[in-house]
N, C-alpha and C. Protein backbone atom coordinates (compact mmCIF):
# COMPACT_ATOMS: atom_id res chain seq x y z
N MET A 1 128.35 11.80 252.89
CA MET A 1 127.18 12.19 253.65
C MET A 1 126.58 13.45 253.04
N THR A 2 125.28 13.42 252.77
CA THR A 2 124.66 14.49 251.98
C THR A 2 123.20 14.67 252.38
N ILE A 3 122.74 15.94 252.39
CA ILE A 3 121.30 16.22 252.44
C ILE A 3 120.82 16.25 251.00
N HIS A 4 119.90 15.38 250.66
CA HIS A 4 119.38 15.31 249.30
C HIS A 4 118.02 16.00 249.24
N VAL A 5 117.92 17.02 248.39
CA VAL A 5 116.67 17.74 248.16
C VAL A 5 116.04 17.19 246.90
N LEU A 6 114.89 16.58 247.03
CA LEU A 6 114.24 15.87 245.92
C LEU A 6 113.08 16.69 245.39
N ASN A 7 113.23 17.23 244.20
CA ASN A 7 112.14 17.93 243.52
C ASN A 7 111.37 16.89 242.72
N PRO A 8 110.10 16.61 243.08
CA PRO A 8 109.39 15.52 242.40
C PRO A 8 108.85 15.88 241.01
N ASN A 9 109.17 17.08 240.50
CA ASN A 9 108.80 17.33 239.11
C ASN A 9 110.04 17.32 238.23
N SER A 10 109.84 17.43 236.93
CA SER A 10 110.95 17.28 235.99
C SER A 10 111.54 18.61 235.55
N SER A 11 111.07 19.71 236.10
CA SER A 11 111.49 21.03 235.65
C SER A 11 112.92 21.35 236.07
N LEU A 12 113.78 21.56 235.08
CA LEU A 12 115.14 21.97 235.37
C LEU A 12 115.16 23.38 235.96
N ALA A 13 114.29 24.27 235.45
CA ALA A 13 114.25 25.65 235.95
C ALA A 13 113.88 25.69 237.43
N VAL A 14 112.87 24.90 237.83
CA VAL A 14 112.48 24.87 239.24
C VAL A 14 113.60 24.29 240.09
N THR A 15 114.24 23.24 239.61
CA THR A 15 115.32 22.61 240.38
C THR A 15 116.49 23.57 240.55
N GLU A 16 116.80 24.32 239.50
CA GLU A 16 117.88 25.29 239.60
C GLU A 16 117.52 26.42 240.57
N ALA A 17 116.25 26.84 240.57
CA ALA A 17 115.80 27.86 241.52
C ALA A 17 115.92 27.35 242.96
N ILE A 18 115.56 26.09 243.17
CA ILE A 18 115.69 25.49 244.49
C ILE A 18 117.16 25.48 244.90
N ALA A 19 118.03 25.09 243.99
CA ALA A 19 119.47 25.03 244.30
C ALA A 19 120.01 26.41 244.67
N ARG A 20 119.54 27.44 243.97
CA ARG A 20 120.00 28.80 244.29
C ARG A 20 119.54 29.22 245.69
N THR A 21 118.32 28.88 246.03
CA THR A 21 117.79 29.36 247.31
C THR A 21 118.38 28.63 248.51
N VAL A 22 118.83 27.38 248.32
CA VAL A 22 119.44 26.66 249.45
C VAL A 22 120.96 26.81 249.47
N ALA A 23 121.56 27.35 248.41
CA ALA A 23 123.02 27.48 248.36
C ALA A 23 123.61 28.23 249.55
N PRO A 24 122.99 29.35 250.00
CA PRO A 24 123.58 30.04 251.16
C PRO A 24 123.59 29.21 252.44
N MET A 25 122.72 28.19 252.51
CA MET A 25 122.65 27.36 253.71
C MET A 25 123.82 26.40 253.79
N GLN A 26 124.53 26.23 252.68
CA GLN A 26 125.67 25.33 252.68
C GLN A 26 126.73 25.77 253.69
N ALA A 27 126.81 27.09 253.93
CA ALA A 27 127.81 27.61 254.86
C ALA A 27 127.61 27.11 256.29
N VAL A 28 126.37 26.77 256.65
CA VAL A 28 126.10 26.30 258.01
C VAL A 28 125.75 24.81 258.06
N ALA A 29 125.70 24.17 256.92
CA ALA A 29 125.37 22.74 256.88
C ALA A 29 126.63 21.91 257.13
N PRO A 30 126.52 20.86 257.94
CA PRO A 30 127.70 20.04 258.21
C PRO A 30 128.03 19.07 257.08
N VAL A 31 127.14 18.97 256.10
CA VAL A 31 127.34 18.06 254.97
C VAL A 31 126.90 18.78 253.69
N PRO A 32 127.28 18.30 252.52
CA PRO A 32 126.81 18.93 251.28
C PRO A 32 125.30 18.82 251.12
N ILE A 33 124.73 19.78 250.40
CA ILE A 33 123.31 19.76 250.03
C ILE A 33 123.24 19.61 248.52
N ARG A 34 122.55 18.58 248.04
CA ARG A 34 122.42 18.34 246.61
C ARG A 34 120.95 18.34 246.22
N CYS A 35 120.65 18.96 245.09
CA CYS A 35 119.27 19.05 244.60
C CYS A 35 119.10 18.15 243.38
N HIS A 36 117.97 17.47 243.33
CA HIS A 36 117.67 16.53 242.25
C HIS A 36 116.28 16.83 241.71
N ARG A 37 116.06 16.53 240.43
CA ARG A 37 114.71 16.55 239.88
C ARG A 37 114.31 15.12 239.56
N LEU A 38 113.02 14.90 239.42
CA LEU A 38 112.51 13.59 239.03
C LEU A 38 112.30 13.62 237.52
N GLU A 39 113.23 13.08 236.79
CA GLU A 39 113.22 13.24 235.34
C GLU A 39 111.96 12.70 234.68
N ASP A 40 111.35 11.67 235.27
CA ASP A 40 110.13 11.11 234.70
C ASP A 40 108.86 11.73 235.30
N GLY A 41 109.03 12.74 236.15
CA GLY A 41 107.88 13.38 236.77
C GLY A 41 107.22 14.39 235.85
N PRO A 42 106.08 14.92 236.25
CA PRO A 42 105.41 15.96 235.46
C PRO A 42 106.21 17.25 235.50
N PRO A 43 106.00 18.18 234.56
CA PRO A 43 106.72 19.44 234.58
C PRO A 43 106.37 20.32 235.78
N GLY A 44 105.22 20.08 236.35
CA GLY A 44 104.80 20.77 237.57
C GLY A 44 103.78 19.90 238.28
N ILE A 45 103.66 20.04 239.58
CA ILE A 45 102.70 19.24 240.35
C ILE A 45 101.60 20.17 240.81
N GLU A 46 100.44 20.05 240.15
CA GLU A 46 99.35 21.00 240.36
C GLU A 46 98.03 20.34 240.73
N THR A 47 97.95 19.01 240.69
CA THR A 47 96.70 18.31 240.99
C THR A 47 96.97 17.17 241.96
N GLN A 48 95.92 16.69 242.60
CA GLN A 48 96.06 15.55 243.50
C GLN A 48 96.54 14.32 242.74
N ALA A 49 96.07 14.14 241.51
CA ALA A 49 96.51 12.99 240.72
C ALA A 49 98.02 13.05 240.48
N GLN A 50 98.54 14.24 240.22
CA GLN A 50 99.99 14.38 240.02
C GLN A 50 100.74 14.14 241.32
N VAL A 51 100.19 14.60 242.43
CA VAL A 51 100.80 14.34 243.74
C VAL A 51 100.91 12.83 243.95
N ASP A 52 99.80 12.12 243.75
CA ASP A 52 99.78 10.68 243.96
C ASP A 52 100.71 9.96 242.99
N GLY A 53 100.78 10.46 241.76
CA GLY A 53 101.54 9.77 240.72
C GLY A 53 103.04 9.81 240.90
N VAL A 54 103.56 10.78 241.64
CA VAL A 54 105.01 10.86 241.80
C VAL A 54 105.53 10.09 243.01
N VAL A 55 104.64 9.55 243.83
CA VAL A 55 105.09 8.93 245.07
C VAL A 55 106.00 7.73 244.79
N ALA A 56 105.55 6.81 243.94
CA ALA A 56 106.35 5.60 243.69
C ALA A 56 107.73 5.93 243.09
N PRO A 57 107.81 6.75 242.03
CA PRO A 57 109.14 7.07 241.51
C PRO A 57 109.99 7.87 242.49
N LEU A 58 109.36 8.69 243.32
CA LEU A 58 110.12 9.43 244.33
C LEU A 58 110.73 8.49 245.35
N LEU A 59 109.97 7.50 245.78
CA LEU A 59 110.49 6.51 246.73
C LEU A 59 111.64 5.73 246.12
N ALA A 60 111.52 5.40 244.83
CA ALA A 60 112.60 4.68 244.16
C ALA A 60 113.86 5.54 244.06
N GLN A 61 113.68 6.82 243.76
CA GLN A 61 114.82 7.73 243.69
C GLN A 61 115.51 7.82 245.05
N ALA A 62 114.72 7.95 246.11
CA ALA A 62 115.30 8.05 247.45
C ALA A 62 116.01 6.76 247.84
N ALA A 63 115.44 5.62 247.49
CA ALA A 63 116.07 4.33 247.82
C ALA A 63 117.44 4.21 247.19
N ALA A 64 117.57 4.72 245.97
CA ALA A 64 118.86 4.67 245.28
C ALA A 64 119.91 5.57 245.93
N LEU A 65 119.45 6.57 246.70
CA LEU A 65 120.35 7.52 247.34
C LEU A 65 120.55 7.23 248.82
N GLU A 66 119.86 6.25 249.36
CA GLU A 66 119.81 6.03 250.81
C GLU A 66 121.19 5.91 251.44
N VAL A 67 122.06 5.11 250.84
CA VAL A 67 123.40 4.93 251.41
C VAL A 67 124.18 6.24 251.28
N GLY A 68 124.69 6.72 252.39
CA GLY A 68 125.44 7.97 252.37
C GLY A 68 124.59 9.22 252.51
N THR A 69 123.29 9.04 252.71
CA THR A 69 122.40 10.19 252.89
C THR A 69 122.31 10.57 254.36
N SER A 70 122.35 11.88 254.62
CA SER A 70 122.15 12.37 255.98
C SER A 70 120.69 12.70 256.25
N ALA A 71 120.00 13.22 255.24
CA ALA A 71 118.58 13.57 255.36
C ALA A 71 118.01 13.78 253.97
N PHE A 72 116.71 13.58 253.87
CA PHE A 72 115.98 13.85 252.62
C PHE A 72 115.05 15.04 252.84
N VAL A 73 114.95 15.89 251.82
CA VAL A 73 113.96 16.96 251.79
C VAL A 73 113.10 16.76 250.55
N ILE A 74 111.78 16.65 250.73
CA ILE A 74 110.86 16.52 249.61
C ILE A 74 110.41 17.92 249.21
N ALA A 75 110.88 18.38 248.04
CA ALA A 75 110.70 19.79 247.64
C ALA A 75 109.48 19.98 246.75
N CYS A 76 108.33 19.66 247.30
CA CYS A 76 107.04 19.95 246.66
C CYS A 76 106.08 20.31 247.78
N PHE A 77 105.29 21.37 247.61
CA PHE A 77 104.48 21.87 248.71
C PHE A 77 103.33 20.94 249.09
N SER A 78 103.09 19.91 248.30
CA SER A 78 102.09 18.91 248.70
C SER A 78 102.70 17.79 249.52
N ASP A 79 104.02 17.85 249.75
CA ASP A 79 104.73 16.81 250.52
C ASP A 79 104.39 15.39 250.06
N PRO A 80 104.47 15.11 248.73
CA PRO A 80 104.11 13.78 248.26
C PRO A 80 105.03 12.70 248.83
N GLY A 81 104.44 11.63 249.30
CA GLY A 81 105.21 10.49 249.79
C GLY A 81 105.91 10.72 251.11
N LEU A 82 105.56 11.78 251.83
CA LEU A 82 106.29 12.09 253.07
C LEU A 82 106.19 10.95 254.08
N ALA A 83 104.98 10.51 254.37
CA ALA A 83 104.82 9.44 255.36
C ALA A 83 105.45 8.14 254.86
N ALA A 84 105.29 7.85 253.57
CA ALA A 84 105.84 6.61 253.02
C ALA A 84 107.36 6.61 253.07
N LEU A 85 107.99 7.75 252.75
CA LEU A 85 109.45 7.79 252.78
C LEU A 85 109.96 7.74 254.22
N ARG A 86 109.24 8.36 255.14
CA ARG A 86 109.65 8.25 256.54
C ARG A 86 109.58 6.80 257.02
N GLU A 87 108.61 6.08 256.50
CA GLU A 87 108.46 4.68 256.89
C GLU A 87 109.56 3.80 256.30
N SER A 88 110.00 4.12 255.08
CA SER A 88 110.94 3.24 254.38
C SER A 88 112.40 3.63 254.57
N SER A 89 112.68 4.87 254.97
CA SER A 89 114.06 5.32 255.09
C SER A 89 114.49 5.38 256.55
N ALA A 90 115.77 5.12 256.78
CA ALA A 90 116.33 5.25 258.13
C ALA A 90 116.82 6.65 258.40
N ARG A 91 116.68 7.55 257.42
CA ARG A 91 117.19 8.92 257.53
C ARG A 91 116.07 9.90 257.91
N PRO A 92 116.41 11.05 258.46
CA PRO A 92 115.39 12.08 258.65
C PRO A 92 114.79 12.49 257.30
N VAL A 93 113.48 12.68 257.26
CA VAL A 93 112.78 13.09 256.03
C VAL A 93 111.94 14.31 256.37
N LEU A 94 112.17 15.40 255.64
CA LEU A 94 111.46 16.65 255.86
C LEU A 94 110.64 16.99 254.63
N GLY A 95 109.38 17.35 254.83
CA GLY A 95 108.54 17.85 253.75
C GLY A 95 108.53 19.37 253.81
N ILE A 96 108.56 20.02 252.65
CA ILE A 96 108.68 21.48 252.68
C ILE A 96 107.42 22.17 253.19
N ALA A 97 106.25 21.60 252.93
CA ALA A 97 105.02 22.23 253.44
C ALA A 97 104.97 22.15 254.96
N GLU A 98 105.16 20.97 255.50
CA GLU A 98 105.15 20.79 256.95
C GLU A 98 106.20 21.69 257.61
N SER A 99 107.40 21.73 257.02
CA SER A 99 108.48 22.53 257.59
C SER A 99 108.17 24.01 257.55
N ALA A 100 107.58 24.48 256.44
CA ALA A 100 107.24 25.90 256.32
C ALA A 100 106.19 26.30 257.35
N VAL A 101 105.19 25.46 257.55
CA VAL A 101 104.14 25.76 258.53
C VAL A 101 104.72 25.79 259.94
N LEU A 102 105.54 24.80 260.28
CA LEU A 102 106.15 24.79 261.61
C LEU A 102 107.02 26.02 261.84
N THR A 103 107.74 26.43 260.80
CA THR A 103 108.58 27.63 260.90
C THR A 103 107.72 28.88 261.06
N ALA A 104 106.65 28.97 260.27
CA ALA A 104 105.78 30.14 260.33
C ALA A 104 105.19 30.32 261.72
N MET A 105 104.88 29.24 262.38
CA MET A 105 104.26 29.34 263.70
C MET A 105 105.24 29.82 264.77
N THR A 106 106.53 29.85 264.45
CA THR A 106 107.50 30.44 265.37
C THR A 106 107.69 31.93 265.11
N LEU A 107 107.08 32.44 264.04
CA LEU A 107 107.27 33.84 263.64
C LEU A 107 106.03 34.71 263.86
N GLY A 108 104.92 34.10 264.21
CA GLY A 108 103.70 34.86 264.43
C GLY A 108 102.56 33.92 264.79
N GLN A 109 101.48 34.50 265.27
CA GLN A 109 100.33 33.68 265.66
C GLN A 109 99.61 33.12 264.44
N ARG A 110 99.52 33.94 263.36
CA ARG A 110 98.78 33.50 262.18
C ARG A 110 99.66 33.67 260.94
N PHE A 111 99.52 32.74 260.02
CA PHE A 111 100.31 32.77 258.80
C PHE A 111 99.39 32.70 257.58
N GLY A 112 99.91 33.15 256.45
CA GLY A 112 99.19 33.06 255.19
C GLY A 112 99.98 32.23 254.20
N ILE A 113 99.29 31.66 253.22
CA ILE A 113 99.93 30.85 252.20
C ILE A 113 99.62 31.44 250.83
N VAL A 114 100.65 31.59 250.01
CA VAL A 114 100.48 31.97 248.61
C VAL A 114 100.47 30.69 247.80
N SER A 115 99.30 30.31 247.28
CA SER A 115 99.18 29.10 246.47
C SER A 115 99.38 29.41 244.99
N ILE A 116 99.70 28.38 244.21
CA ILE A 116 99.80 28.63 242.77
C ILE A 116 98.42 28.73 242.14
N MET A 117 97.50 27.84 242.49
CA MET A 117 96.19 27.78 241.86
C MET A 117 95.10 27.60 242.91
N SER A 118 93.88 28.00 242.57
CA SER A 118 92.75 27.80 243.49
C SER A 118 92.58 26.34 243.85
N ARG A 119 92.81 25.45 242.88
CA ARG A 119 92.60 24.03 243.14
C ARG A 119 93.65 23.45 244.10
N SER A 120 94.72 24.19 244.38
CA SER A 120 95.70 23.75 245.36
C SER A 120 95.18 23.92 246.79
N ILE A 121 94.28 24.88 246.98
CA ILE A 121 93.90 25.27 248.33
C ILE A 121 93.19 24.16 249.11
N PRO A 122 92.24 23.42 248.53
CA PRO A 122 91.63 22.33 249.31
C PRO A 122 92.65 21.30 249.78
N ARG A 123 93.67 21.05 248.96
CA ARG A 123 94.74 20.13 249.34
C ARG A 123 95.48 20.66 250.57
N HIS A 124 95.79 21.95 250.55
CA HIS A 124 96.48 22.56 251.68
C HIS A 124 95.62 22.53 252.94
N LEU A 125 94.33 22.81 252.78
CA LEU A 125 93.45 22.83 253.95
C LEU A 125 93.33 21.44 254.57
N ARG A 126 93.28 20.41 253.73
CA ARG A 126 93.26 19.04 254.27
C ARG A 126 94.52 18.77 255.08
N TYR A 127 95.64 19.22 254.55
CA TYR A 127 96.93 18.97 255.21
C TYR A 127 97.01 19.72 256.54
N LEU A 128 96.61 20.99 256.53
CA LEU A 128 96.63 21.77 257.77
C LEU A 128 95.69 21.16 258.80
N GLY A 129 94.57 20.64 258.32
CA GLY A 129 93.65 19.96 259.23
C GLY A 129 94.29 18.73 259.85
N ALA A 130 95.00 17.96 259.03
CA ALA A 130 95.68 16.77 259.54
C ALA A 130 96.77 17.14 260.54
N MET A 131 97.41 18.29 260.32
CA MET A 131 98.44 18.75 261.26
C MET A 131 97.83 19.36 262.52
N GLY A 132 96.54 19.67 262.48
CA GLY A 132 95.87 20.26 263.64
C GLY A 132 96.15 21.74 263.82
N VAL A 133 96.46 22.45 262.70
CA VAL A 133 96.83 23.86 262.84
C VAL A 133 95.97 24.79 261.97
N ARG A 134 94.78 24.34 261.57
CA ARG A 134 93.93 25.18 260.72
C ARG A 134 93.62 26.52 261.37
N ASP A 135 93.53 26.54 262.69
CA ASP A 135 93.17 27.80 263.37
C ASP A 135 94.30 28.82 263.34
N ARG A 136 95.49 28.44 262.92
CA ARG A 136 96.61 29.38 262.82
C ARG A 136 96.70 30.01 261.42
N LEU A 137 95.85 29.55 260.49
CA LEU A 137 95.87 30.06 259.12
C LEU A 137 95.03 31.32 259.00
N ALA A 138 95.66 32.40 258.54
CA ALA A 138 94.91 33.63 258.27
C ALA A 138 94.16 33.52 256.96
N ALA A 139 94.83 33.04 255.91
CA ALA A 139 94.21 32.86 254.60
C ALA A 139 95.17 32.10 253.70
N ASP A 140 94.61 31.46 252.69
CA ASP A 140 95.37 30.77 251.64
C ASP A 140 94.81 31.29 250.33
N LEU A 141 95.62 32.04 249.58
CA LEU A 141 95.14 32.71 248.38
C LEU A 141 96.00 32.34 247.17
N PRO A 142 95.38 32.25 245.98
CA PRO A 142 96.12 31.76 244.81
C PRO A 142 96.67 32.88 243.93
N LEU A 143 97.78 32.57 243.27
CA LEU A 143 98.28 33.43 242.19
C LEU A 143 97.50 33.20 240.90
N GLU A 144 96.95 32.00 240.75
CA GLU A 144 96.34 31.53 239.49
C GLU A 144 97.38 31.50 238.37
N LEU A 145 98.56 31.04 238.74
CA LEU A 145 99.65 30.81 237.79
C LEU A 145 100.16 29.39 237.99
N GLY A 146 100.33 28.65 236.89
CA GLY A 146 100.89 27.31 236.99
C GLY A 146 102.38 27.35 237.27
N VAL A 147 102.95 26.19 237.57
CA VAL A 147 104.38 26.11 237.90
C VAL A 147 105.23 26.67 236.78
N ALA A 148 104.93 26.31 235.54
CA ALA A 148 105.73 26.79 234.41
C ALA A 148 105.65 28.30 234.26
N GLU A 149 104.50 28.88 234.63
CA GLU A 149 104.31 30.32 234.46
C GLU A 149 105.09 31.15 235.49
N LEU A 150 105.58 30.52 236.54
CA LEU A 150 106.30 31.25 237.57
C LEU A 150 107.62 31.82 237.07
N SER A 151 108.11 31.33 235.93
CA SER A 151 109.35 31.86 235.37
C SER A 151 109.13 33.21 234.70
N ASP A 152 107.87 33.61 234.48
CA ASP A 152 107.57 34.94 233.95
C ASP A 152 107.63 35.93 235.11
N ARG A 153 108.77 36.58 235.26
CA ARG A 153 109.02 37.36 236.47
C ARG A 153 108.03 38.50 236.64
N ALA A 154 107.73 39.23 235.56
CA ALA A 154 106.85 40.39 235.68
C ALA A 154 105.46 39.98 236.16
N ALA A 155 104.89 38.96 235.50
CA ALA A 155 103.54 38.52 235.86
C ALA A 155 103.51 37.92 237.26
N THR A 156 104.51 37.12 237.59
CA THR A 156 104.55 36.48 238.90
C THR A 156 104.73 37.51 240.01
N TRP A 157 105.63 38.47 239.79
CA TRP A 157 105.87 39.49 240.82
C TRP A 157 104.62 40.31 241.10
N ALA A 158 103.93 40.71 240.05
CA ALA A 158 102.71 41.50 240.24
C ALA A 158 101.69 40.73 241.07
N ARG A 159 101.50 39.46 240.77
CA ARG A 159 100.54 38.65 241.52
C ARG A 159 101.02 38.39 242.95
N LEU A 160 102.33 38.15 243.13
CA LEU A 160 102.85 37.92 244.48
C LEU A 160 102.61 39.13 245.38
N VAL A 161 102.86 40.30 244.86
CA VAL A 161 102.67 41.51 245.66
C VAL A 161 101.19 41.68 246.01
N ALA A 162 100.32 41.49 245.02
CA ALA A 162 98.89 41.66 245.27
C ALA A 162 98.38 40.64 246.28
N VAL A 163 98.75 39.39 246.11
CA VAL A 163 98.29 38.33 247.02
C VAL A 163 98.93 38.50 248.39
N GLY A 164 100.22 38.84 248.42
CA GLY A 164 100.90 39.04 249.69
C GLY A 164 100.26 40.14 250.51
N ARG A 165 99.91 41.24 249.86
CA ARG A 165 99.25 42.35 250.59
C ARG A 165 97.89 41.92 251.11
N GLU A 166 97.18 41.15 250.31
CA GLU A 166 95.87 40.68 250.76
C GLU A 166 96.00 39.76 251.97
N LEU A 167 97.04 38.94 251.98
CA LEU A 167 97.27 38.04 253.12
C LEU A 167 97.59 38.83 254.38
N THR A 168 98.39 39.88 254.24
CA THR A 168 98.71 40.68 255.43
C THR A 168 97.47 41.40 255.95
N ARG A 169 96.61 41.86 255.02
CA ARG A 169 95.36 42.50 255.46
C ARG A 169 94.46 41.50 256.17
N ALA A 170 94.59 40.22 255.82
CA ALA A 170 93.79 39.17 256.47
C ALA A 170 94.36 38.78 257.83
N GLY A 171 95.50 39.35 258.18
CA GLY A 171 96.07 39.10 259.51
C GLY A 171 97.28 38.19 259.53
N ALA A 172 97.85 37.88 258.37
CA ALA A 172 99.03 37.01 258.34
C ALA A 172 100.24 37.77 258.86
N GLU A 173 100.87 37.23 259.88
CA GLU A 173 102.11 37.81 260.42
C GLU A 173 103.34 37.23 259.75
N ALA A 174 103.17 36.13 259.05
CA ALA A 174 104.22 35.53 258.24
C ALA A 174 103.55 34.96 256.99
N VAL A 175 104.27 34.98 255.88
CA VAL A 175 103.72 34.53 254.61
C VAL A 175 104.57 33.37 254.09
N ILE A 176 103.90 32.29 253.72
CA ILE A 176 104.57 31.11 253.19
C ILE A 176 104.39 31.07 251.68
N LEU A 177 105.48 30.87 250.95
CA LEU A 177 105.40 30.65 249.51
C LEU A 177 105.00 29.20 249.28
N GLY A 178 103.84 29.00 248.68
CA GLY A 178 103.26 27.67 248.59
C GLY A 178 103.69 26.85 247.38
N CYS A 179 104.93 27.07 246.93
CA CYS A 179 105.47 26.27 245.82
C CYS A 179 106.97 26.48 245.81
N ALA A 180 107.73 25.40 245.62
CA ALA A 180 109.19 25.51 245.55
C ALA A 180 109.62 26.38 244.38
N GLY A 181 108.77 26.50 243.35
CA GLY A 181 109.10 27.29 242.18
C GLY A 181 109.06 28.79 242.40
N MET A 182 108.63 29.24 243.59
CA MET A 182 108.61 30.67 243.91
C MET A 182 109.89 31.13 244.59
N ALA A 183 110.88 30.26 244.70
CA ALA A 183 112.05 30.50 245.52
C ALA A 183 112.76 31.81 245.21
N ASP A 184 112.87 32.18 243.95
CA ASP A 184 113.64 33.36 243.58
C ASP A 184 113.02 34.68 244.04
N TYR A 185 111.77 34.64 244.50
CA TYR A 185 111.06 35.87 244.84
C TYR A 185 111.01 36.16 246.33
N ARG A 186 111.53 35.28 247.16
CA ARG A 186 111.32 35.39 248.60
C ARG A 186 111.84 36.70 249.19
N ALA A 187 113.11 37.00 248.95
CA ALA A 187 113.72 38.17 249.58
C ALA A 187 113.04 39.46 249.15
N ASP A 188 112.75 39.59 247.85
CA ASP A 188 112.10 40.81 247.36
C ASP A 188 110.70 40.96 247.95
N LEU A 189 109.97 39.84 248.07
CA LEU A 189 108.62 39.93 248.61
C LEU A 189 108.65 40.28 250.09
N GLU A 190 109.60 39.76 250.81
CA GLU A 190 109.73 40.09 252.23
C GLU A 190 109.98 41.58 252.41
N ALA A 191 110.86 42.13 251.57
CA ALA A 191 111.12 43.57 251.64
C ALA A 191 109.88 44.38 251.29
N GLU A 192 109.12 43.91 250.31
CA GLU A 192 107.92 44.62 249.87
C GLU A 192 106.83 44.61 250.94
N LEU A 193 106.65 43.47 251.61
CA LEU A 193 105.55 43.32 252.57
C LEU A 193 105.92 43.77 253.98
N GLY A 194 107.20 43.78 254.29
CA GLY A 194 107.60 44.12 255.65
C GLY A 194 107.22 43.05 256.66
N ARG A 195 107.04 41.83 256.21
CA ARG A 195 106.71 40.67 257.06
C ARG A 195 107.63 39.52 256.68
N PRO A 196 107.88 38.58 257.59
CA PRO A 196 108.68 37.41 257.21
C PRO A 196 108.01 36.64 256.07
N VAL A 197 108.78 36.31 255.06
CA VAL A 197 108.32 35.47 253.96
C VAL A 197 109.17 34.20 253.97
N ILE A 198 108.52 33.07 254.01
CA ILE A 198 109.20 31.79 254.19
C ILE A 198 109.26 31.04 252.87
N ASP A 199 110.49 30.73 252.44
CA ASP A 199 110.64 29.78 251.34
C ASP A 199 110.61 28.38 251.95
N PRO A 200 109.72 27.52 251.50
CA PRO A 200 109.54 26.24 252.20
C PRO A 200 110.74 25.31 252.11
N THR A 201 111.49 25.37 251.00
CA THR A 201 112.65 24.49 250.90
C THR A 201 113.75 24.94 251.84
N GLN A 202 113.93 26.25 251.99
CA GLN A 202 114.88 26.74 252.98
C GLN A 202 114.47 26.29 254.38
N ALA A 203 113.17 26.38 254.67
CA ALA A 203 112.69 25.97 255.99
C ALA A 203 112.98 24.50 256.25
N ALA A 204 112.75 23.65 255.23
CA ALA A 204 112.99 22.22 255.40
C ALA A 204 114.47 21.91 255.55
N CYS A 205 115.31 22.59 254.76
CA CYS A 205 116.75 22.37 254.88
C CYS A 205 117.25 22.81 256.25
N ALA A 206 116.69 23.92 256.76
CA ALA A 206 117.08 24.38 258.10
C ALA A 206 116.74 23.33 259.15
N LEU A 207 115.57 22.72 259.03
CA LEU A 207 115.19 21.68 259.98
C LEU A 207 116.06 20.44 259.81
N ALA A 208 116.43 20.12 258.57
CA ALA A 208 117.32 18.97 258.33
C ALA A 208 118.67 19.21 258.99
N ILE A 209 119.21 20.43 258.81
CA ILE A 209 120.48 20.77 259.44
C ILE A 209 120.36 20.70 260.96
N GLY A 210 119.23 21.15 261.48
CA GLY A 210 118.99 21.07 262.92
C GLY A 210 118.95 19.64 263.42
N ARG A 211 118.33 18.76 262.64
CA ARG A 211 118.29 17.35 263.03
C ARG A 211 119.69 16.76 263.11
N LEU A 212 120.55 17.13 262.17
CA LEU A 212 121.93 16.63 262.19
C LEU A 212 122.68 17.20 263.40
N ALA A 213 122.42 18.47 263.72
CA ALA A 213 123.06 19.06 264.90
C ALA A 213 122.62 18.35 266.18
N LEU A 214 121.33 18.04 266.26
CA LEU A 214 120.83 17.31 267.43
C LEU A 214 121.48 15.94 267.55
N ALA A 215 121.62 15.25 266.41
CA ALA A 215 122.23 13.93 266.42
C ALA A 215 123.68 14.01 266.94
N ARG A 216 124.37 15.04 266.49
CA ARG A 216 125.76 15.20 266.96
C ARG A 216 125.80 15.54 268.44
N ALA A 217 124.89 16.37 268.90
CA ALA A 217 124.86 16.75 270.31
C ALA A 217 124.54 15.55 271.19
N GLU A 218 123.78 14.60 270.65
CA GLU A 218 123.42 13.40 271.40
C GLU A 218 124.43 12.28 271.22
N GLY A 219 125.52 12.59 270.51
CA GLY A 219 126.59 11.60 270.35
C GLY A 219 126.35 10.59 269.26
N GLU A 220 125.36 10.86 268.39
CA GLU A 220 125.09 9.95 267.30
C GLU A 220 125.84 10.42 266.05
N SER A 221 126.08 9.49 265.15
CA SER A 221 126.74 9.83 263.89
C SER A 221 125.68 10.15 262.86
N PRO A 222 125.58 11.42 262.35
CA PRO A 222 124.58 11.73 261.32
C PRO A 222 125.01 11.17 259.98
N ALA A 223 124.45 10.02 259.59
CA ALA A 223 124.90 9.30 258.39
C ALA A 223 124.99 10.22 257.20
């Protein structure tokens, strides 16, 4: 029985960062947490075409893991294939964007999102609109750094601090990191801003663990 975290891009560095950020959650998880990358996926998911293109291989990857799975986490902030995987799998399926937003709304009235690129923002706004929570968004601002560039710590940190401060000035009481590849910066940014900073994969894993706890409380066996 395992919570499978599915990174729909092919980046080993991003997958390793995701694994590091969810590792502390293993202490409270009732089952192992395993992180996977999509070896045939793009090195980063930065466009709608890339979001759409990973859905079929992501569903195939999940189908191969279905037996013995307790829950799936889709570790891309565009939540590719979320509805499709929920339809095809008998397991709980959590998307990191949806999970991060739901978590943020428990920490303050308004939240901000740190996006990787300006072109990511319309995608996020469509999603927030579909969730019915656009009025809880203080601002969504970009780093203007691609997924691969997030490994440059100096450049990424400087932009994270600048964007994070701008989000707090816009009224964000909690800040969401809008890419799984930002995982290594969460704790430092939270200390810098003095506001809760949410890593979306941690948020999704927390909800997955909660779903398993609910199943046990209701007398069900969390597969």
